[in-house]
PDB file of N, CA and C in Angstrom:
ATOM      1  N   MET A   1     -15.471   3.580  25.847  1.00  0.00           N
ATOM      2  CA  MET A   1     -15.689   2.643  24.767  1.00  0.00           C
ATOM      3  C   MET A   1     -17.136   2.165  24.761  1.00  0.00           C
ATOM      4  N   ILE A   2     -17.763   2.126  25.900  1.00  0.00           N
ATOM      5  CA  ILE A   2     -19.142   1.679  26.011  1.00  0.00           C
ATOM      6  C   ILE A   2     -20.071   2.575  25.212  1.00  0.00           C
ATOM      7  N   TRP A   3     -19.839   3.876  25.268  1.00  0.00           N
ATOM      8  CA  TRP A   3     -20.733   4.788  24.557  1.00  0.00           C
ATOM      9  C   TRP A   3     -20.661   4.587  23.055  1.00  0.00           C
ATOM     10  N   LEU A   4     -19.520   4.127  22.517  1.00  0.00           N
ATOM     11  CA  LEU A   4     -19.415   3.878  21.084  1.00  0.00           C
ATOM     12  C   LEU A   4     -20.381   2.788  20.635  1.00  0.00           C
ATOM     13  N   SER A   5     -20.458   1.711  21.387  1.00  0.00           N
ATOM     14  CA  SER A   5     -21.350   0.618  21.003  1.00  0.00           C
ATOM     15  C   SER A   5     -22.810   0.983  21.214  1.00  0.00           C
ATOM     16  N   ALA A   6     -23.083   1.943  22.072  1.00  0.00           N
ATOM     17  CA  ALA A   6     -24.461   2.370  22.313  1.00  0.00           C
ATOM     18  C   ALA A   6     -24.987   3.295  21.225  1.00  0.00           C
ATOM     19  N   ILE A   7     -24.116   3.824  20.399  1.00  0.00           N
ATOM     20  CA  ILE A   7     -24.516   4.767  19.366  1.00  0.00           C
ATOM     21  C   ILE A   7     -24.821   4.022  18.079  1.00  0.00           C
ATOM     22  N   ALA A   8     -26.089   3.787  17.837  1.00  0.00           N
ATOM     23  CA  ALA A   8     -26.573   3.209  16.579  1.00  0.00           C
ATOM     24  C   ALA A   8     -25.778   1.987  16.132  1.00  0.00           C
ATOM     25  N   GLY A   9     -25.356   1.158  17.073  1.00  0.00           N
ATOM     26  CA  GLY A   9     -24.650  -0.065  16.731  1.00  0.00           C
ATOM     27  C   GLY A   9     -23.227   0.141  16.236  1.00  0.00           C
ATOM     28  N   TYR A  10     -22.645   1.292  16.485  1.00  0.00           N
ATOM     29  CA  TYR A  10     -21.279   1.562  16.052  1.00  0.00           C
ATOM     30  C   TYR A  10     -20.340   0.576  16.738  1.00  0.00           C
ATOM     31  N   SER A  11     -19.495  -0.056  15.959  1.00  0.00           N
ATOM     32  CA  SER A  11     -18.567  -1.040  16.515  1.00  0.00           C
ATOM     33  C   SER A  11     -17.137  -0.529  16.414  1.00  0.00           C
ATOM     34  N   SER A  12     -16.427  -0.577  17.525  1.00  0.00           N
ATOM     35  CA  SER A  12     -15.032  -0.148  17.524  1.00  0.00           C
ATOM     36  C   SER A  12     -14.084  -1.350  17.544  1.00  0.00           C
ATOM     37  N   ALA A  13     -14.639  -2.546  17.400  1.00  0.00           N
ATOM     38  CA  ALA A  13     -13.832  -3.762  17.461  1.00  0.00           C
ATOM     39  C   ALA A  13     -12.777  -3.776  16.361  1.00  0.00           C
ATOM     40  N   GLY A  14     -11.531  -4.023  16.752  1.00  0.00           N
ATOM     41  CA  GLY A  14     -10.434  -4.140  15.808  1.00  0.00           C
ATOM     42  C   GLY A  14      -9.953  -2.834  15.197  1.00  0.00           C
ATOM     43  N   LYS A  15     -10.463  -1.715  15.652  1.00  0.00           N
ATOM     44  CA  LYS A  15     -10.060  -0.428  15.095  1.00  0.00           C
ATOM     45  C   LYS A  15      -8.948   0.178  15.936  1.00  0.00           C
ATOM     46  N   VAL A  16      -8.066   0.903  15.279  1.00  0.00           N
ATOM     47  CA  VAL A  16      -6.980   1.610  15.955  1.00  0.00           C
ATOM     48  C   VAL A  16      -7.313   3.092  15.901  1.00  0.00           C
ATOM     49  N   TYR A  17      -7.229   3.749  17.038  1.00  0.00           N
ATOM     50  CA  TYR A  17      -7.527   5.176  17.114  1.00  0.00           C
ATOM     51  C   TYR A  17      -6.242   5.944  17.343  1.00  0.00           C
ATOM     52  N   TYR A  18      -6.149   7.108  16.716  1.00  0.00           N
ATOM     53  CA  TYR A  18      -4.949   7.921  16.803  1.00  0.00           C
ATOM     54  C   TYR A  18      -5.226   9.233  17.517  1.00  0.00           C
ATOM     55  N   HIS A  19      -4.166   9.782  18.049  1.00  0.00           N
ATOM     56  CA  HIS A  19      -4.223  11.107  18.659  1.00  0.00           C
ATOM     57  C   HIS A  19      -2.942  11.820  18.253  1.00  0.00           C
ATOM     58  N   GLY A  20      -3.091  12.963  17.626  1.00  0.00           N
ATOM     59  CA  GLY A  20      -1.912  13.703  17.177  1.00  0.00           C
ATOM     60  C   GLY A  20      -1.071  14.165  18.348  1.00  0.00           C
ATOM     61  N   VAL A  21       0.248  14.114  18.172  1.00  0.00           N
ATOM     62  CA  VAL A  21       1.142  14.554  19.242  1.00  0.00           C
ATOM     63  C   VAL A  21       1.423  16.042  19.157  1.00  0.00           C
ATOM     64  N   GLY A  22       1.137  16.638  18.000  1.00  0.00           N
ATOM     65  CA  GLY A  22       1.334  18.075  17.845  1.00  0.00           C
ATOM     66  C   GLY A  22       2.714  18.418  17.325  1.00  0.00           C
ATOM     67  N   CYS A  23       2.806  19.632  16.811  1.00  0.00           N
ATOM     68  CA  CYS A  23       4.060  20.133  16.255  1.00  0.00           C
ATOM     69  C   CYS A  23       3.958  21.662  16.201  1.00  0.00           C
ATOM     70  N   PRO A  24       5.049  22.347  15.880  1.00  0.00           N
ATOM     71  CA  PRO A  24       4.977  23.814  15.796  1.00  0.00           C
ATOM     72  C   PRO A  24       3.968  24.296  14.740  1.00  0.00           C
ATOM     73  N   TYR A  25       3.846  23.553  13.630  1.00  0.00           N
ATOM     74  CA  TYR A  25       2.932  23.956  12.558  1.00  0.00           C
ATOM     75  C   TYR A  25       1.482  24.022  13.044  1.00  0.00           C
ATOM     76  N   CYS A  26       1.071  23.042  13.859  1.00  0.00           N
ATOM     77  CA  CYS A  26      -0.328  22.988  14.309  1.00  0.00           C
ATOM     78  C   CYS A  26      -0.508  23.605  15.698  1.00  0.00           C
ATOM     79  N   HIS A  27       0.526  24.246  16.215  1.00  0.00           N
ATOM     80  CA  HIS A  27       0.490  24.843  17.559  1.00  0.00           C
ATOM     81  C   HIS A  27       0.179  23.785  18.623  1.00  0.00           C
ATOM     82  N   ASN A  28       0.721  22.582  18.401  1.00  0.00           N
ATOM     83  CA  ASN A  28       0.592  21.448  19.326  1.00  0.00           C
ATOM     84  C   ASN A  28      -0.847  21.001  19.572  1.00  0.00           C
ATOM     85  N   THR A  29      -1.709  21.223  18.589  1.00  0.00           N
ATOM     86  CA  THR A  29      -3.095  20.740  18.715  1.00  0.00           C
ATOM     87  C   THR A  29      -3.240  19.335  18.172  1.00  0.00           C
ATOM     88  N   GLY A  30      -2.374  18.944  17.246  1.00  0.00           N
ATOM     89  CA  GLY A  30      -2.485  17.645  16.600  1.00  0.00           C
ATOM     90  C   GLY A  30      -3.349  17.678  15.354  1.00  0.00           C
ATOM     91  N   PHE A  31      -3.850  18.857  14.972  1.00  0.00           N
ATOM     92  CA  PHE A  31      -4.698  18.986  13.794  1.00  0.00           C
ATOM     93  C   PHE A  31      -4.038  19.874  12.758  1.00  0.00           C
ATOM     94  N   LYS A  32      -4.092  19.454  11.489  1.00  0.00           N
ATOM     95  CA  LYS A  32      -3.510  20.225  10.396  1.00  0.00           C
ATOM     96  C   LYS A  32      -4.469  21.281   9.875  1.00  0.00           C
ATOM     97  N   SER A  33      -5.761  21.018   9.934  1.00  0.00           N
ATOM     98  CA  SER A  33      -6.746  21.946   9.384  1.00  0.00           C
ATOM     99  C   SER A  33      -8.094  21.707  10.068  1.00  0.00           C
ATOM    100  N   GLN A  34      -9.101  22.390   9.582  1.00  0.00           N
ATOM    101  CA  GLN A  34     -10.446  22.226  10.133  1.00  0.00           C
ATOM    102  C   GLN A  34     -11.330  21.559   9.098  1.00  0.00           C
ATOM    103  N   ILE A  35     -12.328  20.832   9.584  1.00  0.00           N
ATOM    104  CA  ILE A  35     -13.308  20.201   8.703  1.00  0.00           C
ATOM    105  C   ILE A  35     -14.661  20.283   9.391  1.00  0.00           C
ATOM    106  N   GLY A  36     -15.695  20.467   8.613  1.00  0.00           N
ATOM    107  CA  GLY A  36     -17.036  20.578   9.176  1.00  0.00           C
ATOM    108  C   GLY A  36     -17.605  19.218   9.554  1.00  0.00           C
ATOM    109  N   VAL A  37     -18.293  19.182  10.665  1.00  0.00           N
ATOM    110  CA  VAL A  37     -19.040  18.001  11.088  1.00  0.00           C
ATOM    111  C   VAL A  37     -20.487  18.455  11.158  1.00  0.00           C
ATOM    112  N   PHE A  38     -21.358  17.772  10.416  1.00  0.00           N
ATOM    113  CA  PHE A  38     -22.725  18.242  10.268  1.00  0.00           C
ATOM    114  C   PHE A  38     -23.749  17.179  10.619  1.00  0.00           C
ATOM    115  N   GLU A  39     -24.920  17.653  10.981  1.00  0.00           N
ATOM    116  CA  GLU A  39     -26.075  16.783  11.165  1.00  0.00           C
ATOM    117  C   GLU A  39     -27.010  17.086  10.001  1.00  0.00           C
ATOM    118  N   PHE A  40     -27.474  16.037   9.336  1.00  0.00           N
ATOM    119  CA  PHE A  40     -28.310  16.213   8.159  1.00  0.00           C
ATOM    120  C   PHE A  40     -29.741  15.776   8.442  1.00  0.00           C
ATOM    121  N   LEU A  41     -30.686  16.613   8.033  1.00  0.00           N
ATOM    122  CA  LEU A  41     -32.100  16.283   8.174  1.00  0.00           C
ATOM    123  C   LEU A  41     -32.884  16.986   7.088  1.00  0.00           C
ATOM    124  N   GLU A  42     -33.561  16.202   6.257  1.00  0.00           N
ATOM    125  CA  GLU A  42     -34.445  16.777   5.249  1.00  0.00           C
ATOM    126  C   GLU A  42     -35.765  17.120   5.932  1.00  0.00           C
ATOM    127  N   ILE A  43     -36.175  18.359   5.807  1.00  0.00           N
ATOM    128  CA  ILE A  43     -37.413  18.802   6.441  1.00  0.00           C
ATOM    129  C   ILE A  43     -38.593  18.426   5.547  1.00  0.00           C
ATOM    130  N   THR A  44     -39.392  17.498   6.018  1.00  0.00           N
ATOM    131  CA  THR A  44     -40.589  17.059   5.311  1.00  0.00           C
ATOM    132  C   THR A  44     -41.754  17.961   5.701  1.00  0.00           C
ATOM    133  N   PRO A  45     -42.870  17.879   4.982  1.00  0.00           N
ATOM    134  CA  PRO A  45     -44.043  18.670   5.387  1.00  0.00           C
ATOM    135  C   PRO A  45     -44.474  18.379   6.832  1.00  0.00           C
ATOM    136  N   TYR A  46     -44.388  17.111   7.252  1.00  0.00           N
ATOM    137  CA  TYR A  46     -44.770  16.763   8.626  1.00  0.00           C
ATOM    138  C   TYR A  46     -43.830  17.421   9.636  1.00  0.00           C
ATOM    139  N   LEU A  47     -42.527  17.354   9.387  1.00  0.00           N
ATOM    140  CA  LEU A  47     -41.563  17.988  10.289  1.00  0.00           C
ATOM    141  C   LEU A  47     -41.771  19.500  10.318  1.00  0.00           C
ATOM    142  N   SER A  48     -42.064  20.063   9.174  1.00  0.00           N
ATOM    143  CA  SER A  48     -42.337  21.493   9.100  1.00  0.00           C
ATOM    144  C   SER A  48     -43.543  21.868   9.965  1.00  0.00           C
ATOM    145  N   GLU A  49     -44.573  21.033   9.920  1.00  0.00           N
ATOM    146  CA  GLU A  49     -45.773  21.284  10.731  1.00  0.00           C
ATOM    147  C   GLU A  49     -45.450  21.178  12.222  1.00  0.00           C
ATOM    148  N   MET A  50     -44.630  20.203  12.612  1.00  0.00           N
ATOM    149  CA  MET A  50     -44.252  20.061  14.022  1.00  0.00           C
ATOM    150  C   MET A  50     -43.452  21.286  14.489  1.00  0.00           C
ATOM    151  N   LEU A  51     -42.621  21.820  13.613  1.00  0.00           N
ATOM    152  CA  LEU A  51     -41.894  23.049  13.941  1.00  0.00           C
ATOM    153  C   LEU A  51     -42.853  24.219  14.126  1.00  0.00           C
ATOM    154  N   ARG A  52     -43.807  24.319  13.206  1.00  0.00           N
ATOM    155  CA  ARG A  52     -44.779  25.409  13.280  1.00  0.00           C
ATOM    156  C   ARG A  52     -45.583  25.346  14.565  1.00  0.00           C
ATOM    157  N   LEU A  53     -45.929  24.103  14.988  1.00  0.00           N
ATOM    158  CA  LEU A  53     -46.701  23.907  16.219  1.00  0.00           C
ATOM    159  C   LEU A  53     -45.834  23.946  17.478  1.00  0.00           C
ATOM    160  N   LYS A  54     -44.529  24.055  17.283  1.00  0.00           N
ATOM    161  CA  LYS A  54     -43.561  24.060  18.387  1.00  0.00           C
ATOM    162  C   LYS A  54     -43.651  22.796  19.244  1.00  0.00           C
ATOM    163  N   ASP A  55     -43.928  21.670  18.575  1.00  0.00           N
ATOM    164  CA  ASP A  55     -44.002  20.369  19.234  1.00  0.00           C
ATOM    165  C   ASP A  55     -42.624  19.712  19.134  1.00  0.00           C
ATOM    166  N   THR A  56     -41.728  20.121  20.024  1.00  0.00           N
ATOM    167  CA  THR A  56     -40.341  19.663  19.940  1.00  0.00           C
ATOM    168  C   THR A  56     -40.189  18.167  20.189  1.00  0.00           C
ATOM    169  N   ALA A  57     -40.998  17.609  21.060  1.00  0.00           N
ATOM    170  CA  ALA A  57     -40.907  16.170  21.345  1.00  0.00           C
ATOM    171  C   ALA A  57     -41.261  15.356  20.106  1.00  0.00           C
ATOM    172  N   GLU A  58     -42.353  15.686  19.452  1.00  0.00           N
ATOM    173  CA  GLU A  58     -42.758  14.953  18.251  1.00  0.00           C
ATOM    174  C   GLU A  58     -41.802  15.224  17.097  1.00  0.00           C
ATOM    175  N   PHE A  59     -41.323  16.471  16.989  1.00  0.00           N
ATOM    176  CA  PHE A  59     -40.348  16.796  15.945  1.00  0.00           C
ATOM    177  C   PHE A  59     -39.101  15.935  16.116  1.00  0.00           C
ATOM    178  N   SER A  60     -38.584  15.862  17.333  1.00  0.00           N
ATOM    179  CA  SER A  60     -37.381  15.077  17.614  1.00  0.00           C
ATOM    180  C   SER A  60     -37.600  13.603  17.286  1.00  0.00           C
ATOM    181  N   HIS A  61     -38.729  13.068  17.697  1.00  0.00           N
ATOM    182  CA  HIS A  61     -39.040  11.659  17.427  1.00  0.00           C
ATOM    183  C   HIS A  61     -39.140  11.414  15.922  1.00  0.00           C
ATOM    184  N   ALA A  62     -39.886  12.260  15.216  1.00  0.00           N
ATOM    185  CA  ALA A  62     -40.063  12.099  13.776  1.00  0.00           C
ATOM    186  C   ALA A  62     -38.740  12.282  13.030  1.00  0.00           C
ATOM    187  N   ALA A  63     -37.905  13.194  13.484  1.00  0.00           N
ATOM    188  CA  ALA A  63     -36.608  13.423  12.845  1.00  0.00           C
ATOM    189  C   ALA A  63     -35.737  12.181  12.947  1.00  0.00           C
ATOM    190  N   LYS A  64     -35.707  11.571  14.122  1.00  0.00           N
ATOM    191  CA  LYS A  64     -34.888  10.369  14.327  1.00  0.00           C
ATOM    192  C   LYS A  64     -35.377   9.202  13.483  1.00  0.00           C
ATOM    193  N   GLU A  65     -36.666   9.170  13.178  1.00  0.00           N
ATOM    194  CA  GLU A  65     -37.243   8.105  12.375  1.00  0.00           C
ATOM    195  C   GLU A  65     -37.099   8.366  10.874  1.00  0.00           C
ATOM    196  N   SER A  66     -36.710   9.568  10.507  1.00  0.00           N
ATOM    197  CA  SER A  66     -36.614   9.950   9.103  1.00  0.00           C
ATOM    198  C   SER A  66     -35.526   9.155   8.386  1.00  0.00           C
ATOM    199  N   THR A  67     -35.826   8.765   7.171  1.00  0.00           N
ATOM    200  CA  THR A  67     -34.876   8.028   6.334  1.00  0.00           C
ATOM    201  C   THR A  67     -33.628   8.844   6.045  1.00  0.00           C
ATOM    202  N   TYR A  68     -33.781  10.145   5.971  1.00  0.00           N
ATOM    203  CA  TYR A  68     -32.678  11.012   5.558  1.00  0.00           C
ATOM    204  C   TYR A  68     -31.963  11.694   6.718  1.00  0.00           C
ATOM    205  N   PHE A  69     -32.175  11.213   7.936  1.00  0.00           N
ATOM    206  CA  PHE A  69     -31.528  11.813   9.102  1.00  0.00           C
ATOM    207  C   PHE A  69     -30.162  11.184   9.315  1.00  0.00           C
ATOM    208  N   ARG A  70     -29.147  12.014   9.438  1.00  0.00           N
ATOM    209  CA  ARG A  70     -27.781  11.562   9.746  1.00  0.00           C
ATOM    210  C   ARG A  70     -27.300  12.358  10.945  1.00  0.00           C
ATOM    211  N   PRO A  71     -27.266  11.718  12.145  1.00  0.00           N
ATOM    212  CA  PRO A  71     -26.886  12.454  13.363  1.00  0.00           C
ATOM    213  C   PRO A  71     -25.447  12.961  13.341  1.00  0.00           C
ATOM    214  N   LEU A  72     -25.237  14.036  14.053  1.00  0.00           N
ATOM    215  CA  LEU A  72     -23.926  14.662  14.166  1.00  0.00           C
ATOM    216  C   LEU A  72     -22.864  13.662  14.625  1.00  0.00           C
ATOM    217  N   VAL A  73     -23.182  12.874  15.631  1.00  0.00           N
ATOM    218  CA  VAL A  73     -22.198  11.947  16.185  1.00  0.00           C
ATOM    219  C   VAL A  73     -21.768  10.902  15.157  1.00  0.00           C
ATOM    220  N   LEU A  74     -22.697  10.413  14.323  1.00  0.00           N
ATOM    221  CA  LEU A  74     -22.317   9.423  13.318  1.00  0.00           C
ATOM    222  C   LEU A  74     -21.446  10.049  12.235  1.00  0.00           C
ATOM    223  N   ASN A  75     -21.726  11.285  11.869  1.00  0.00           N
ATOM    224  CA  ASN A  75     -20.878  11.982  10.920  1.00  0.00           C
ATOM    225  C   ASN A  75     -19.475  12.136  11.504  1.00  0.00           C
ATOM    226  N   GLY A  76     -19.395  12.493  12.784  1.00  0.00           N
ATOM    227  CA  GLY A  76     -18.099  12.619  13.449  1.00  0.00           C
ATOM    228  C   GLY A  76     -17.355  11.301  13.521  1.00  0.00           C
ATOM    229  N   LEU A  77     -18.070  10.217  13.810  1.00  0.00           N
ATOM    230  CA  LEU A  77     -17.425   8.901  13.891  1.00  0.00           C
ATOM    231  C   LEU A  77     -16.957   8.412  12.523  1.00  0.00           C
ATOM    232  N   ASP A  78     -17.638   8.818  11.458  1.00  0.00           N
ATOM    233  CA  ASP A  78     -17.143   8.524  10.112  1.00  0.00           C
ATOM    234  C   ASP A  78     -15.775   9.175   9.908  1.00  0.00           C
ATOM    235  N   LEU A  79     -15.634  10.401  10.389  1.00  0.00           N
ATOM    236  CA  LEU A  79     -14.351  11.102  10.275  1.00  0.00           C
ATOM    237  C   LEU A  79     -13.276  10.455  11.143  1.00  0.00           C
ATOM    238  N   VAL A  80     -13.672   9.891  12.278  1.00  0.00           N
ATOM    239  CA  VAL A  80     -12.731   9.149  13.124  1.00  0.00           C
ATOM    240  C   VAL A  80     -12.248   7.910  12.375  1.00  0.00           C
ATOM    241  N   ASP A  81     -13.182   7.197  11.726  1.00  0.00           N
ATOM    242  CA  ASP A  81     -12.815   5.999  10.965  1.00  0.00           C
ATOM    243  C   ASP A  81     -11.861   6.320   9.824  1.00  0.00           C
ATOM    244  N   GLN A  82     -11.970   7.528   9.282  1.00  0.00           N
ATOM    245  CA  GLN A  82     -11.102   7.958   8.185  1.00  0.00           C
ATOM    246  C   GLN A  82      -9.791   8.560   8.701  1.00  0.00           C
ATOM    247  N   ALA A  83      -9.597   8.556  10.021  1.00  0.00           N
ATOM    248  CA  ALA A  83      -8.422   9.150  10.679  1.00  0.00           C
ATOM    249  C   ALA A  83      -8.304  10.638  10.361  1.00  0.00           C
ATOM    250  N   THR A  84      -9.454  11.296  10.170  1.00  0.00           N
ATOM    251  CA  THR A  84      -9.491  12.725   9.911  1.00  0.00           C
ATOM    252  C   THR A  84      -9.583  13.519  11.204  1.00  0.00           C
ATOM    253  N   THR A  85     -10.191  12.917  12.219  1.00  0.00           N
ATOM    254  CA  THR A  85     -10.297  13.559  13.525  1.00  0.00           C
ATOM    255  C   THR A  85     -10.167  12.492  14.610  1.00  0.00           C
ATOM    256  N   THR A  86     -10.291  12.903  15.847  1.00  0.00           N
ATOM    257  CA  THR A  86     -10.128  11.980  16.974  1.00  0.00           C
ATOM    258  C   THR A  86     -11.452  11.811  17.717  1.00  0.00           C
ATOM    259  N   ILE A  87     -11.541  10.735  18.468  1.00  0.00           N
ATOM    260  CA  ILE A  87     -12.740  10.491  19.271  1.00  0.00           C
ATOM    261  C   ILE A  87     -12.912  11.600  20.297  1.00  0.00           C
ATOM    262  N   SER A  88     -11.823  12.063  20.879  1.00  0.00           N
ATOM    263  CA  SER A  88     -11.944  13.126  21.879  1.00  0.00           C
ATOM    264  C   SER A  88     -12.520  14.400  21.262  1.00  0.00           C
ATOM    265  N   GLU A  89     -12.208  14.669  20.001  1.00  0.00           N
ATOM    266  CA  GLU A  89     -12.764  15.851  19.333  1.00  0.00           C
ATOM    267  C   GLU A  89     -14.259  15.669  19.067  1.00  0.00           C
ATOM    268  N   VAL A  90     -14.669  14.461  18.703  1.00  0.00           N
ATOM    269  CA  VAL A  90     -16.101  14.187  18.497  1.00  0.00           C
ATOM    270  C   VAL A  90     -16.845  14.358  19.821  1.00  0.00           C
ATOM    271  N   ILE A  91     -16.271  13.882  20.893  1.00  0.00           N
ATOM    272  CA  ILE A  91     -16.900  14.044  22.213  1.00  0.00           C
ATOM    273  C   ILE A  91     -16.994  15.523  22.567  1.00  0.00           C
ATOM    274  N   ARG A  92     -15.941  16.278  22.281  1.00  0.00           N
ATOM    275  CA  ARG A  92     -15.960  17.717  22.567  1.00  0.00           C
ATOM    276  C   ARG A  92     -17.076  18.407  21.786  1.00  0.00           C
ATOM    277  N   ILE A  93     -17.207  18.061  20.530  1.00  0.00           N
ATOM    278  CA  ILE A  93     -18.256  18.643  19.690  1.00  0.00           C
ATOM    279  C   ILE A  93     -19.640  18.274  20.222  1.00  0.00           C
ATOM    280  N   MET A  94     -19.789  17.039  20.641  1.00  0.00           N
ATOM    281  CA  MET A  94     -21.080  16.563  21.135  1.00  0.00           C
ATOM    282  C   MET A  94     -21.416  17.131  22.513  1.00  0.00           C
ATOM    283  N   GLY A  95     -20.409  17.634  23.221  1.00  0.00           N
ATOM    284  CA  GLY A  95     -20.652  18.176  24.547  1.00  0.00           C
ATOM    285  C   GLY A  95     -20.825  17.094  25.590  1.00  0.00           C
ATOM    286  N   GLU A  96     -20.356  15.898  25.282  1.00  0.00           N
ATOM    287  CA  GLU A  96     -20.489  14.782  26.217  1.00  0.00           C
ATOM    288  C   GLU A  96     -19.329  14.810  27.209  1.00  0.00           C
ATOM    289  N   GLY A  97     -19.573  14.417  28.427  1.00  0.00           N
ATOM    290  CA  GLY A  97     -18.533  14.331  29.442  1.00  0.00           C
ATOM    291  C   GLY A  97     -18.047  12.911  29.585  1.00  0.00           C
ATOM    292  N   MET A  98     -17.709  12.269  28.467  1.00  0.00           N
ATOM    293  CA  MET A  98     -17.355  10.849  28.491  1.00  0.00           C
ATOM    294  C   MET A  98     -15.899  10.591  28.152  1.00  0.00           C
ATOM    295  N   ILE A  99     -15.036  11.521  28.404  1.00  0.00           N
ATOM    296  CA  ILE A  99     -13.625  11.355  28.074  1.00  0.00           C
ATOM    297  C   ILE A  99     -13.036  10.114  28.744  1.00  0.00           C
ATOM    298  N   ASP A 100     -13.474   9.803  29.959  1.00  0.00           N
ATOM    299  CA  ASP A 100     -12.919   8.663  30.698  1.00  0.00           C
ATOM    300  C   ASP A 100     -13.237   7.321  30.059  1.00  0.00           C
ATOM    301  N   THR A 101     -14.237   7.264  29.179  1.00  0.00           N
ATOM    302  CA  THR A 101     -14.625   5.993  28.576  1.00  0.00           C
ATOM    303  C   THR A 101     -14.056   5.813  27.183  1.00  0.00           C
ATOM    304  N   MET A 102     -13.128   6.693  26.776  1.00  0.00           N
ATOM    305  CA  MET A 102     -12.547   6.593  25.442  1.00  0.00           C
ATOM    306  C   MET A 102     -11.686   5.348  25.321  1.00  0.00           C
ATOM    307  N   PRO A 103     -11.664   4.760  24.097  1.00  0.00           N
ATOM    308  CA  PRO A 103     -10.773   3.616  23.876  1.00  0.00           C
ATOM    309  C   PRO A 103      -9.323   4.067  23.878  1.00  0.00           C
ATOM    310  N   PRO A 104      -8.371   3.124  24.042  1.00  0.00           N
ATOM    311  CA  PRO A 104      -6.958   3.487  24.022  1.00  0.00           C
ATOM    312  C   PRO A 104      -6.585   4.088  22.669  1.00  0.00           C
ATOM    313  N   VAL A 105      -5.679   5.038  22.678  1.00  0.00           N
ATOM    314  CA  VAL A 105      -5.249   5.670  21.433  1.00  0.00           C
ATOM    315  C   VAL A 105      -3.772   5.424  21.204  1.00  0.00           C
ATOM    316  N   GLU A 106      -3.383   5.386  19.951  1.00  0.00           N
ATOM    317  CA  GLU A 106      -2.005   5.191  19.572  1.00  0.00           C
ATOM    318  C   GLU A 106      -1.459   6.536  19.092  1.00  0.00           C
ATOM    319  N   LYS A 107      -0.302   6.923  19.589  1.00  0.00           N
ATOM    320  CA  LYS A 107       0.290   8.199  19.206  1.00  0.00           C
ATOM    321  C   LYS A 107       0.846   8.112  17.789  1.00  0.00           C
ATOM    322  N   LYS A 108       0.609   9.161  17.027  1.00  0.00           N
ATOM    323  CA  LYS A 108       1.071   9.252  15.655  1.00  0.00           C
ATOM    324  C   LYS A 108       2.003  10.450  15.561  1.00  0.00           C
ATOM    325  N   GLY A 109       3.136  10.319  14.913  1.00  0.00           N
ATOM    326  CA  GLY A 109       4.175  11.331  14.915  1.00  0.00           C
ATOM    327  C   GLY A 109       3.840  12.675  14.296  1.00  0.00           C
ATOM    328  N   ASP A 110       3.153  12.719  13.175  1.00  0.00           N
ATOM    329  CA  ASP A 110       2.916  14.004  12.513  1.00  0.00           C
ATOM    330  C   ASP A 110       1.449  14.399  12.621  1.00  0.00           C
ATOM    331  N   CYS A 111       1.205  15.441  13.374  1.00  0.00           N
ATOM    332  CA  CYS A 111      -0.125  15.974  13.586  1.00  0.00           C
ATOM    333  C   CYS A 111      -1.128  14.893  13.392  1.00  0.00           C
TER     334      CYS A 111
END
């Protein structure tokens, strides 16, 4: 739960999180279908120049400061808020080893 509050001020206060119990239809995964989770970044002339120069540190810094940057994790957490996916799936996508810090989840009967 700590990592949630550390991510761009994301607040999990008062939210209920679900985890699908699975069924034969979903092969006991708890998911009915797939949905894309994306990171958005508009490449400006400055970012393009940093790429050309292979200056990854400056590119990363400038990207994070960009008005049009939407990190992968925030897109995933939006889907969690919509009950479209689970926090554990967002962590899996992010490659984070933070499963032990997940908030409590409530079981939901149908995928």
